[in-house]
Amino acid sequence: MIPDSSTPCYIYAHRGARSEAADNTRQAFEKALVYPIDGIEADVQLTKDEVCVLWHDRFLDKLGYSGKRIDDFTFAELKQFNFATYCDGAEPEGVLSLQDFVDQYRRHCKLQIEIKNRDWEDMRRHQIKVQQCLEILGSTRNLDVFISSFNLNSLQYAHQLGTQIALVYAVNESDDIAYIKTTFSDNKFLAGICQPIATLNEDLVNFLRGHNKLIVTYTCNTRLEIQKALDLEVDILITDDPVTALQMRG
C-alpha cells in the first residue's frame, strides 16, 4: 500500500491553505493549488438532511452560531451561511458539499477525506456518512484518494462494505504504540495510520514499514516538525504551511 520507494514524501495542505483562507472552503483549496502540493486534506460531516459537507469543528461558533452544529441545519440552510466570515477580506462562501469538492479537485491533486463522527450522533448517521463517501469516491486501488477517521468502527464498516479505497486510522497523542500494534493486528485491512508528529518515532515507523502500512503524520507546522517527518521518511506530511514543507523537501 505504501508508495514506491522512489516517491518523495507527499505534502498535503491541511484543510487547504488555511493560513490564507477559511479552512475547507473553495478559496482555501484554490490558494493551496497555487503551490506544487501533492494533496489536500478535508473533513466531512453530515447535515441535518444527511448531506456530506466539509467542516472540521464540532460547533459553528466561529461563524457566529454559538453552540450550533452542522447537523442542526439542512444543506440548503448551510449554503446560505458565510463559511469565510472569520477571514478578513474573504469572499462570502456557503458550505461545500463533499460531492462538489471531489468533482472539482480530484483531477488536480490527491485527496485525503477525513470522516468526522461525533459522540452525539447515532450509529445510523455514522454509517450514512461512510456510505456516501464510498459512493462519491467510487472504486480506486491507488492512493489518489483515501479515507481516514478517528472512529475505528466507521473504518470497519467501510471495510465490511467491500471498498477498495485505502482506509487509514487516525490516532491521538494519547494512543501508545502497544495500542497501535494491537489495533493493526486485529484489523489487517487498515492501509495505514495518521499519527501526530509529536508521538511519531522510529520504533513505530519500523513497525508500520514492516507491515507495509502507509505512514501519514499531522500537523507539521514548524520547521522542526517538518524536518522530523522528512527524517522519518513518512509517506504523507500534513501541514498548514505547505510552502515551507515544499521548500524543505526540495
C-alpha atoms as a PDB file:
ATOM      1  CA  MET A   1       0.000   0.000   0.000  1.00  0.00           C
ATOM      2  CA  ILE A   2       2.919   2.377   0.598  1.00  0.00           C
ATOM      3  CA  PRO A   3       4.089   4.484  -2.365  1.00  0.00           C
ATOM      4  CA  ASP A   4       7.062   3.397  -4.449  1.00  0.00           C
ATOM      5  CA  SER A   5      10.326   3.903  -2.586  1.00  0.00           C
ATOM      6  CA  SER A   6      11.452   6.421  -5.204  1.00  0.00           C
ATOM      7  CA  THR A   7       8.487   8.660  -4.404  1.00  0.00           C
ATOM      8  CA  PRO A   8       9.324  11.558  -2.064  1.00  0.00           C
ATOM      9  CA  CYS A   9       7.210  12.400   0.949  1.00  0.00           C
ATOM     10  CA  TYR A  10       3.904  13.790  -0.277  1.00  0.00           C
ATOM     11  CA  ILE A  11       2.926  17.239   1.034  1.00  0.00           C
ATOM     12  CA  TYR A  12      -0.781  17.691   1.832  1.00  0.00           C
ATOM     13  CA  ALA A  13      -2.353  21.074   2.576  1.00  0.00           C
ATOM     14  CA  HIS A  14      -4.345  20.787   5.815  1.00  0.00           C
ATOM     15  CA  ARG A  15      -7.929  21.845   5.021  1.00  0.00           C
ATOM     16  CA  GLY A  16      -6.472  23.754   2.086  1.00  0.00           C
ATOM     17  CA  ALA A  17      -4.256  26.806   2.531  1.00  0.00           C
ATOM     18  CA  ARG A  18      -5.904  27.570   5.858  1.00  0.00           C
ATOM     19  CA  SER A  19      -3.319  30.174   6.831  1.00  0.00           C
ATOM     20  CA  GLU A  20      -4.515  32.206   3.846  1.00  0.00           C
ATOM     21  CA  ALA A  21      -8.255  31.476   3.771  1.00  0.00           C
ATOM     22  CA  ALA A  22     -11.103  29.918   5.730  1.00  0.00           C
ATOM     23  CA  ASP A  23     -10.426  26.193   6.004  1.00  0.00           C
ATOM     24  CA  ASN A  24     -12.364  23.662   3.950  1.00  0.00           C
ATOM     25  CA  THR A  25     -13.565  26.338   1.520  1.00  0.00           C
ATOM     26  CA  ARG A  26     -13.023  26.728  -2.202  1.00  0.00           C
ATOM     27  CA  GLN A  27     -10.866  29.769  -1.516  1.00  0.00           C
ATOM     28  CA  ALA A  28      -8.560  27.694   0.712  1.00  0.00           C
ATOM     29  CA  PHE A  29      -8.288  24.928  -1.873  1.00  0.00           C
ATOM     30  CA  GLU A  30      -7.662  27.320  -4.765  1.00  0.00           C
ATOM     31  CA  LYS A  31      -4.911  29.085  -2.803  1.00  0.00           C
ATOM     32  CA  ALA A  32      -3.348  25.728  -1.910  1.00  0.00           C
ATOM     33  CA  LEU A  33      -3.227  24.731  -5.569  1.00  0.00           C
ATOM     34  CA  VAL A  34      -1.131  27.799  -6.373  1.00  0.00           C
ATOM     35  CA  TYR A  35       1.733  25.815  -4.809  1.00  0.00           C
ATOM     36  CA  PRO A  36       3.033  22.471  -6.138  1.00  0.00           C
ATOM     37  CA  ILE A  37       1.357  20.489  -3.359  1.00  0.00           C
ATOM     38  CA  ASP A  38       0.678  16.798  -3.772  1.00  0.00           C
ATOM     39  CA  GLY A  39      -2.653  16.651  -1.991  1.00  0.00           C
ATOM     40  CA  ILE A  40      -5.353  18.239   0.139  1.00  0.00           C
ATOM     41  CA  GLU A  41      -6.839  17.005   3.406  1.00  0.00           C
ATOM     42  CA  ALA A  42     -10.514  17.822   4.030  1.00  0.00           C
ATOM     43  CA  ASP A  43     -13.034  16.972   6.764  1.00  0.00           C
ATOM     44  CA  VAL A  44     -16.526  15.565   6.258  1.00  0.00           C
ATOM     45  CA  GLN A  45     -19.606  15.930   8.446  1.00  0.00           C
ATOM     46  CA  LEU A  46     -23.317  15.295   7.857  1.00  0.00           C
ATOM     47  CA  THR A  47     -26.070  17.901   7.646  1.00  0.00           C
ATOM     48  CA  LYS A  48     -29.484  17.590   9.270  1.00  0.00           C
ATOM     49  CA  ASP A  49     -30.891  16.286   5.986  1.00  0.00           C
ATOM     50  CA  GLU A  50     -27.992  13.840   5.534  1.00  0.00           C
ATOM     51  CA  VAL A  51     -25.726  15.535   3.014  1.00  0.00           C
ATOM     52  CA  CYS A  52     -21.964  15.132   3.412  1.00  0.00           C
ATOM     53  CA  VAL A  53     -20.325  18.561   3.627  1.00  0.00           C
ATOM     54  CA  LEU A  54     -16.891  19.911   4.518  1.00  0.00           C
ATOM     55  CA  TRP A  55     -16.415  21.216   8.062  1.00  0.00           C
ATOM     56  CA  HIS A  56     -13.885  20.446  10.766  1.00  0.00           C
ATOM     57  CA  ASP A  57     -15.026  21.907  14.095  1.00  0.00           C
ATOM     58  CA  ARG A  58     -17.545  20.409  16.480  1.00  0.00           C
ATOM     59  CA  PHE A  59     -19.502  23.672  16.556  1.00  0.00           C
ATOM     60  CA  LEU A  60     -20.182  26.671  14.315  1.00  0.00           C
ATOM     61  CA  ASP A  61     -19.028  29.262  16.839  1.00  0.00           C
ATOM     62  CA  LYS A  62     -16.527  30.980  14.543  1.00  0.00           C
ATOM     63  CA  LEU A  63     -19.331  31.542  12.023  1.00  0.00           C
ATOM     64  CA  GLY A  64     -21.359  33.335  14.693  1.00  0.00           C
ATOM     65  CA  TYR A  65     -23.646  30.421  15.620  1.00  0.00           C
ATOM     66  CA  SER A  66     -22.552  29.699  19.163  1.00  0.00           C
ATOM     67  CA  GLY A  67     -23.263  26.158  20.322  1.00  0.00           C
ATOM     68  CA  LYS A  68     -24.788  25.163  16.983  1.00  0.00           C
ATOM     69  CA  ARG A  69     -23.536  22.238  14.902  1.00  0.00           C
ATOM     70  CA  ILE A  70     -23.521  21.226  11.247  1.00  0.00           C
ATOM     71  CA  ASP A  71     -26.295  18.714  11.921  1.00  0.00           C
ATOM     72  CA  ASP A  72     -28.571  21.422  13.306  1.00  0.00           C
ATOM     73  CA  PHE A  73     -29.076  22.756   9.766  1.00  0.00           C
ATOM     74  CA  THR A  74     -30.055  21.473   6.334  1.00  0.00           C
ATOM     75  CA  PHE A  75     -27.728  21.662   3.358  1.00  0.00           C
ATOM     76  CA  ALA A  76     -29.856  24.417   1.832  1.00  0.00           C
ATOM     77  CA  GLU A  77     -29.597  26.469   5.025  1.00  0.00           C
ATOM     78  CA  LEU A  78     -25.830  25.983   5.250  1.00  0.00           C
ATOM     79  CA  LYS A  79     -25.456  27.135   1.644  1.00  0.00           C
ATOM     80  CA  GLN A  80     -26.795  30.498   2.792  1.00  0.00           C
ATOM     81  CA  PHE A  81     -24.246  30.857   5.614  1.00  0.00           C
ATOM     82  CA  ASN A  82     -20.894  32.572   5.080  1.00  0.00           C
ATOM     83  CA  PHE A  83     -18.262  29.960   5.866  1.00  0.00           C
ATOM     84  CA  ALA A  84     -15.500  32.511   5.235  1.00  0.00           C
ATOM     85  CA  THR A  85     -16.886  35.105   7.640  1.00  0.00           C
ATOM     86  CA  TYR A  86     -13.978  34.855  10.086  1.00  0.00           C
ATOM     87  CA  CYS A  87     -11.355  35.676   7.442  1.00  0.00           C
ATOM     88  CA  ASP A  88     -10.871  39.367   6.736  1.00  0.00           C
ATOM     89  CA  GLY A  89     -11.367  40.265   3.102  1.00  0.00           C
ATOM     90  CA  ALA A  90     -12.587  36.826   2.067  1.00  0.00           C
ATOM     91  CA  GLU A  91     -15.434  36.490  -0.408  1.00  0.00           C
ATOM     92  CA  PRO A  92     -18.643  35.082   1.146  1.00  0.00           C
ATOM     93  CA  GLU A  93     -18.970  31.373   0.543  1.00  0.00           C
ATOM     94  CA  GLY A  94     -21.555  28.774   1.540  1.00  0.00           C
ATOM     95  CA  VAL A  95     -20.806  25.282   2.719  1.00  0.00           C
ATOM     96  CA  LEU A  96     -19.103  22.979   0.216  1.00  0.00           C
ATOM     97  CA  SER A  97     -20.551  19.514  -0.309  1.00  0.00           C
ATOM     98  CA  LEU A  98     -18.253  16.523  -0.500  1.00  0.00           C
ATOM     99  CA  GLN A  99     -19.640  15.760  -3.961  1.00  0.00           C
ATOM    100  CA  ASP A 100     -18.712  19.207  -5.286  1.00  0.00           C
ATOM    101  CA  PHE A 101     -15.295  19.073  -3.619  1.00  0.00           C
ATOM    102  CA  VAL A 102     -14.421  15.709  -5.162  1.00  0.00           C
ATOM    103  CA  ASP A 103     -15.808  16.671  -8.562  1.00  0.00           C
ATOM    104  CA  GLN A 104     -13.787  19.886  -8.633  1.00  0.00           C
ATOM    105  CA  TYR A 105     -10.471  18.955  -7.028  1.00  0.00           C
ATOM    106  CA  ARG A 106      -9.876  15.258  -7.587  1.00  0.00           C
ATOM    107  CA  ARG A 107      -8.431  15.966 -11.018  1.00  0.00           C
ATOM    108  CA  HIS A 108      -5.950  18.487  -9.604  1.00  0.00           C
ATOM    109  CA  CYS A 109      -4.313  16.626  -6.730  1.00  0.00           C
ATOM    110  CA  LYS A 110      -4.541  13.702  -4.317  1.00  0.00           C
ATOM    111  CA  LEU A 111      -7.235  13.834  -1.636  1.00  0.00           C
ATOM    112  CA  GLN A 112      -7.461  12.706   1.973  1.00  0.00           C
ATOM    113  CA  ILE A 113     -11.064  12.582   3.186  1.00  0.00           C
ATOM    114  CA  GLU A 114     -11.331  12.546   6.966  1.00  0.00           C
ATOM    115  CA  ILE A 115     -14.720  11.379   8.215  1.00  0.00           C
ATOM    116  CA  LYS A 116     -15.660  13.217  11.405  1.00  0.00           C
ATOM    117  CA  ASN A 117     -18.033  11.242  13.606  1.00  0.00           C
ATOM    118  CA  ARG A 118     -19.364  12.837  16.776  1.00  0.00           C
ATOM    119  CA  ASP A 119     -20.335  11.215  20.062  1.00  0.00           C
ATOM    120  CA  TRP A 120     -23.844  12.717  19.940  1.00  0.00           C
ATOM    121  CA  GLU A 121     -24.627  11.049  16.601  1.00  0.00           C
ATOM    122  CA  ASP A 122     -26.283   7.674  16.424  1.00  0.00           C
ATOM    123  CA  MET A 123     -24.664   4.813  14.523  1.00  0.00           C
ATOM    124  CA  ARG A 124     -27.050   5.197  11.602  1.00  0.00           C
ATOM    125  CA  ARG A 125     -25.654   8.644  10.801  1.00  0.00           C
ATOM    126  CA  HIS A 126     -22.105   7.329  11.070  1.00  0.00           C
ATOM    127  CA  GLN A 127     -22.965   4.667   8.533  1.00  0.00           C
ATOM    128  CA  ILE A 128     -24.707   7.103   6.191  1.00  0.00           C
ATOM    129  CA  LYS A 129     -21.557   9.226   6.173  1.00  0.00           C
ATOM    130  CA  VAL A 130     -19.419   6.229   5.275  1.00  0.00           C
ATOM    131  CA  GLN A 131     -21.836   5.061   2.575  1.00  0.00           C
ATOM    132  CA  GLN A 132     -21.956   8.486   0.930  1.00  0.00           C
ATOM    133  CA  CYS A 133     -18.180   8.845   0.999  1.00  0.00           C
ATOM    134  CA  LEU A 134     -17.730   5.474  -0.687  1.00  0.00           C
ATOM    135  CA  GLU A 135     -20.383   6.244  -3.298  1.00  0.00           C
ATOM    136  CA  ILE A 136     -18.889   9.643  -4.113  1.00  0.00           C
ATOM    137  CA  LEU A 137     -15.288   8.451  -4.216  1.00  0.00           C
ATOM    138  CA  GLY A 138     -16.074   5.338  -6.218  1.00  0.00           C
ATOM    139  CA  SER A 139     -13.688   2.445  -6.735  1.00  0.00           C
ATOM    140  CA  THR A 140      -9.939   3.007  -6.588  1.00  0.00           C
ATOM    141  CA  ARG A 141      -6.963   0.924  -5.548  1.00  0.00           C
ATOM    142  CA  ASN A 142      -4.354   3.664  -5.605  1.00  0.00           C
ATOM    143  CA  LEU A 143      -3.585   6.493  -3.190  1.00  0.00           C
ATOM    144  CA  ASP A 144      -5.017   9.307  -5.290  1.00  0.00           C
ATOM    145  CA  VAL A 145      -7.849   9.264  -2.750  1.00  0.00           C
ATOM    146  CA  PHE A 146      -8.002   7.695   0.687  1.00  0.00           C
ATOM    147  CA  ILE A 147     -10.285   7.857   3.713  1.00  0.00           C
ATOM    148  CA  SER A 148      -9.176   8.451   7.294  1.00  0.00           C
ATOM    149  CA  SER A 149     -11.091   8.596  10.550  1.00  0.00           C
ATOM    150  CA  PHE A 150     -10.503   8.635  14.300  1.00  0.00           C
ATOM    151  CA  ASN A 151     -13.518   6.337  14.527  1.00  0.00           C
ATOM    152  CA  LEU A 152     -12.352   2.744  14.062  1.00  0.00           C
ATOM    153  CA  ASN A 153     -15.938   1.457  13.856  1.00  0.00           C
ATOM    154  CA  SER A 154     -16.523   3.603  10.768  1.00  0.00           C
ATOM    155  CA  LEU A 155     -13.439   2.205   9.051  1.00  0.00           C
ATOM    156  CA  GLN A 156     -14.502  -1.326   9.939  1.00  0.00           C
ATOM    157  CA  TYR A 157     -17.937  -0.619   8.458  1.00  0.00           C
ATOM    158  CA  ALA A 158     -16.364   0.731   5.249  1.00  0.00           C
ATOM    159  CA  HIS A 159     -14.285  -2.449   5.017  1.00  0.00           C
ATOM    160  CA  GLN A 160     -17.388  -4.593   5.519  1.00  0.00           C
ATOM    161  CA  LEU A 161     -18.985  -2.826   2.559  1.00  0.00           C
ATOM    162  CA  GLY A 162     -16.159  -4.150   0.410  1.00  0.00           C
ATOM    163  CA  THR A 163     -14.487  -0.888  -0.572  1.00  0.00           C
ATOM    164  CA  GLN A 164     -11.111  -0.930  -2.301  1.00  0.00           C
ATOM    165  CA  ILE A 165     -10.375   2.629  -1.124  1.00  0.00           C
ATOM    166  CA  ALA A 166      -7.465   2.779   1.312  1.00  0.00           C
ATOM    167  CA  LEU A 167      -8.682   3.144   4.913  1.00  0.00           C
ATOM    168  CA  VAL A 168      -6.323   4.927   7.311  1.00  0.00           C
ATOM    169  CA  TYR A 169      -6.766   5.004  11.070  1.00  0.00           C
ATOM    170  CA  ALA A 170      -6.188   8.401  12.714  1.00  0.00           C
ATOM    171  CA  VAL A 171      -4.927   8.293  16.295  1.00  0.00           C
ATOM    172  CA  ASN A 172      -4.319  10.773  19.101  1.00  0.00           C
ATOM    173  CA  GLU A 173      -1.164  11.557  21.056  1.00  0.00           C
ATOM    174  CA  SER A 174      -2.561   9.511  23.951  1.00  0.00           C
ATOM    175  CA  ASP A 175      -2.643   6.315  21.842  1.00  0.00           C
ATOM    176  CA  ASP A 176       0.592   4.464  22.589  1.00  0.00           C
ATOM    177  CA  ILE A 177       2.459   2.059  20.334  1.00  0.00           C
ATOM    178  CA  ALA A 178       1.099  -1.006  22.155  1.00  0.00           C
ATOM    179  CA  TYR A 179      -2.455   0.077  21.328  1.00  0.00           C
ATOM    180  CA  ILE A 180      -1.495   0.788  17.725  1.00  0.00           C
ATOM    181  CA  LYS A 181       0.191  -2.591  17.270  1.00  0.00           C
ATOM    182  CA  THR A 182      -2.827  -4.399  18.713  1.00  0.00           C
ATOM    183  CA  THR A 183      -5.235  -2.407  16.553  1.00  0.00           C
ATOM    184  CA  PHE A 184      -3.344  -3.234  13.368  1.00  0.00           C
ATOM    185  CA  SER A 185      -3.012  -6.881  14.338  1.00  0.00           C
ATOM    186  CA  ASP A 186      -6.775  -7.090  14.841  1.00  0.00           C
ATOM    187  CA  ASN A 187      -7.653  -5.020  11.752  1.00  0.00           C
ATOM    188  CA  LYS A 188      -5.323  -6.131   8.999  1.00  0.00           C
ATOM    189  CA  PHE A 189      -7.412  -4.361   6.369  1.00  0.00           C
ATOM    190  CA  LEU A 190      -6.167  -0.975   7.580  1.00  0.00           C
ATOM    191  CA  ALA A 191      -3.940   0.595   4.933  1.00  0.00           C
ATOM    192  CA  GLY A 192      -2.058   2.799   7.345  1.00  0.00           C
ATOM    193  CA  ILE A 193      -2.042   5.259  10.192  1.00  0.00           C
ATOM    194  CA  CYS A 194      -2.479   9.005  10.556  1.00  0.00           C
ATOM    195  CA  GLN A 195      -0.218   9.754  13.521  1.00  0.00           C
ATOM    196  CA  PRO A 196       0.504  13.038  15.360  1.00  0.00           C
ATOM    197  CA  ILE A 197       4.033  14.197  14.569  1.00  0.00           C
ATOM    198  CA  ALA A 198       4.680  14.696  18.302  1.00  0.00           C
ATOM    199  CA  THR A 199       4.427  10.967  19.022  1.00  0.00           C
ATOM    200  CA  LEU A 200       5.742   9.516  15.775  1.00  0.00           C
ATOM    201  CA  ASN A 201       9.078   7.772  16.321  1.00  0.00           C
ATOM    202  CA  GLU A 202      11.448   5.276  14.707  1.00  0.00           C
ATOM    203  CA  ASP A 203      10.008   2.324  16.607  1.00  0.00           C
ATOM    204  CA  LEU A 204       6.527   2.993  15.269  1.00  0.00           C
ATOM    205  CA  VAL A 205       7.813   3.752  11.780  1.00  0.00           C
ATOM    206  CA  ASN A 206       9.753   0.470  11.708  1.00  0.00           C
ATOM    207  CA  PHE A 207       6.693  -1.457  12.867  1.00  0.00           C
ATOM    208  CA  LEU A 208       4.493   0.103  10.189  1.00  0.00           C
ATOM    209  CA  ARG A 209       7.117  -0.339   7.471  1.00  0.00           C
ATOM    210  CA  GLY A 210       7.487  -3.968   8.491  1.00  0.00           C
ATOM    211  CA  HIS A 211       3.767  -4.425   7.846  1.00  0.00           C
ATOM    212  CA  ASN A 212       3.742  -2.425   4.597  1.00  0.00           C
ATOM    213  CA  LYS A 213       1.498   0.275   6.061  1.00  0.00           C
ATOM    214  CA  LEU A 214       1.080   3.866   4.922  1.00  0.00           C
ATOM    215  CA  ILE A 215       2.516   6.472   7.318  1.00  0.00           C
ATOM    216  CA  VAL A 216       0.668   9.784   7.416  1.00  0.00           C
ATOM    217  CA  THR A 217       1.578  12.403  10.014  1.00  0.00           C
ATOM    218  CA  TYR A 218      -0.173  15.570  11.187  1.00  0.00           C
ATOM    219  CA  THR A 219       0.051  18.534  11.705  1.00  0.00           C
ATOM    220  CA  CYS A 220       3.615  19.544  10.788  1.00  0.00           C
ATOM    221  CA  ASN A 221       3.677  23.318  11.085  1.00  0.00           C
ATOM    222  CA  THR A 222       7.095  24.221  12.479  1.00  0.00           C
ATOM    223  CA  ARG A 223      10.389  23.643  10.722  1.00  0.00           C
ATOM    224  CA  LEU A 224      11.328  21.206  13.485  1.00  0.00           C
ATOM    225  CA  GLU A 225       8.140  19.171  12.949  1.00  0.00           C
ATOM    226  CA  ILE A 226       8.536  19.190   9.184  1.00  0.00           C
ATOM    227  CA  GLN A 227      12.159  18.084   9.427  1.00  0.00           C
ATOM    228  CA  LYS A 228      11.250  15.280  11.823  1.00  0.00           C
ATOM    229  CA  ALA A 229       8.658  13.955   9.367  1.00  0.00           C
ATOM    230  CA  LEU A 230      11.152  14.147   6.492  1.00  0.00           C
ATOM    231  CA  ASP A 231      13.865  12.433   8.526  1.00  0.00           C
ATOM    232  CA  LEU A 232      11.481   9.602   9.396  1.00  0.00           C
ATOM    233  CA  GLU A 233      10.643   9.327   5.688  1.00  0.00           C
ATOM    234  CA  VAL A 234       6.885   9.376   6.157  1.00  0.00           C
ATOM    235  CA  ASP A 235       4.687   8.863   3.129  1.00  0.00           C
ATOM    236  CA  ILE A 236       2.415  11.874   3.686  1.00  0.00           C
ATOM    237  CA  LEU A 237       3.062  15.046   5.655  1.00  0.00           C
ATOM    238  CA  ILE A 238       0.007  17.166   6.508  1.00  0.00           C
ATOM    239  CA  THR A 239       0.716  20.834   7.154  1.00  0.00           C
ATOM    240  CA  ASP A 240      -0.786  24.303   7.499  1.00  0.00           C
ATOM    241  CA  ASP A 241       2.425  25.632   5.918  1.00  0.00           C
ATOM    242  CA  PRO A 242       2.854  23.814   2.603  1.00  0.00           C
ATOM    243  CA  VAL A 243       5.248  26.467   1.310  1.00  0.00           C
ATOM    244  CA  THR A 244       7.852  25.744   3.981  1.00  0.00           C
ATOM    245  CA  ALA A 245       7.306  21.995   3.749  1.00  0.00           C
ATOM    246  CA  LEU A 246       7.803  22.054  -0.019  1.00  0.00           C
ATOM    247  CA  GLN A 247      10.961  24.143   0.311  1.00  0.00           C
ATOM    248  CA  MET A 248      12.418  21.826   2.953  1.00  0.00           C
ATOM    249  CA  ARG A 249      11.563  18.691   0.999  1.00  0.00           C
ATOM    250  CA  GLY A 250      13.311  20.152  -2.021  1.00  0.00           C
END
